[in-house]
Structure formats: structure tokens, C-alpha cells
Amino acid sequence: MKTIEIIVAPDGKTRAETFGFSGQTCREASRFVESALGKATSETLKPEFHQATSSQQQSTRQ
């Protein structure tokens, strides 16, 4: 299941965290959330980001 979780801290800082995505799809899926929340100040990439998606794997095999 693909999920985007938005965490709002007591000081008002927000954080968007994606679950169930791999590769660039997490950035594409969360782009609208980031633009709605304002300018990003930092980004932490999970190990899943570095996993190739099935379409990326197919293009590298050809």
C-alpha cells in the first residue's frame, strides 16, 4: 500500500514521509504535498529510494 504521511510538530514544522514507494516515484507522488506545505528545508532519502522500479529495471535490461 502506498501512503504519504504528513507530520505536524507542536512547533508548526511539517514533514512528509512516503511509504510503499521505490525509486523516483516517491518524489513524484509527494511533490504536490511539498508544494502545498512550502519550501523544503531538508530531504532524507530512505533505502527504498535507491531501489529501481520495475520500469527502470526493464529499460536498463534493453
Foldseek 3Di string as FASTA:
>chain_A
DWDWDWDADPVGDIDIDIPDDAACVVVVVCVVVCVVSDDDPDDDDDPRNVDDDPVRVVVVVD
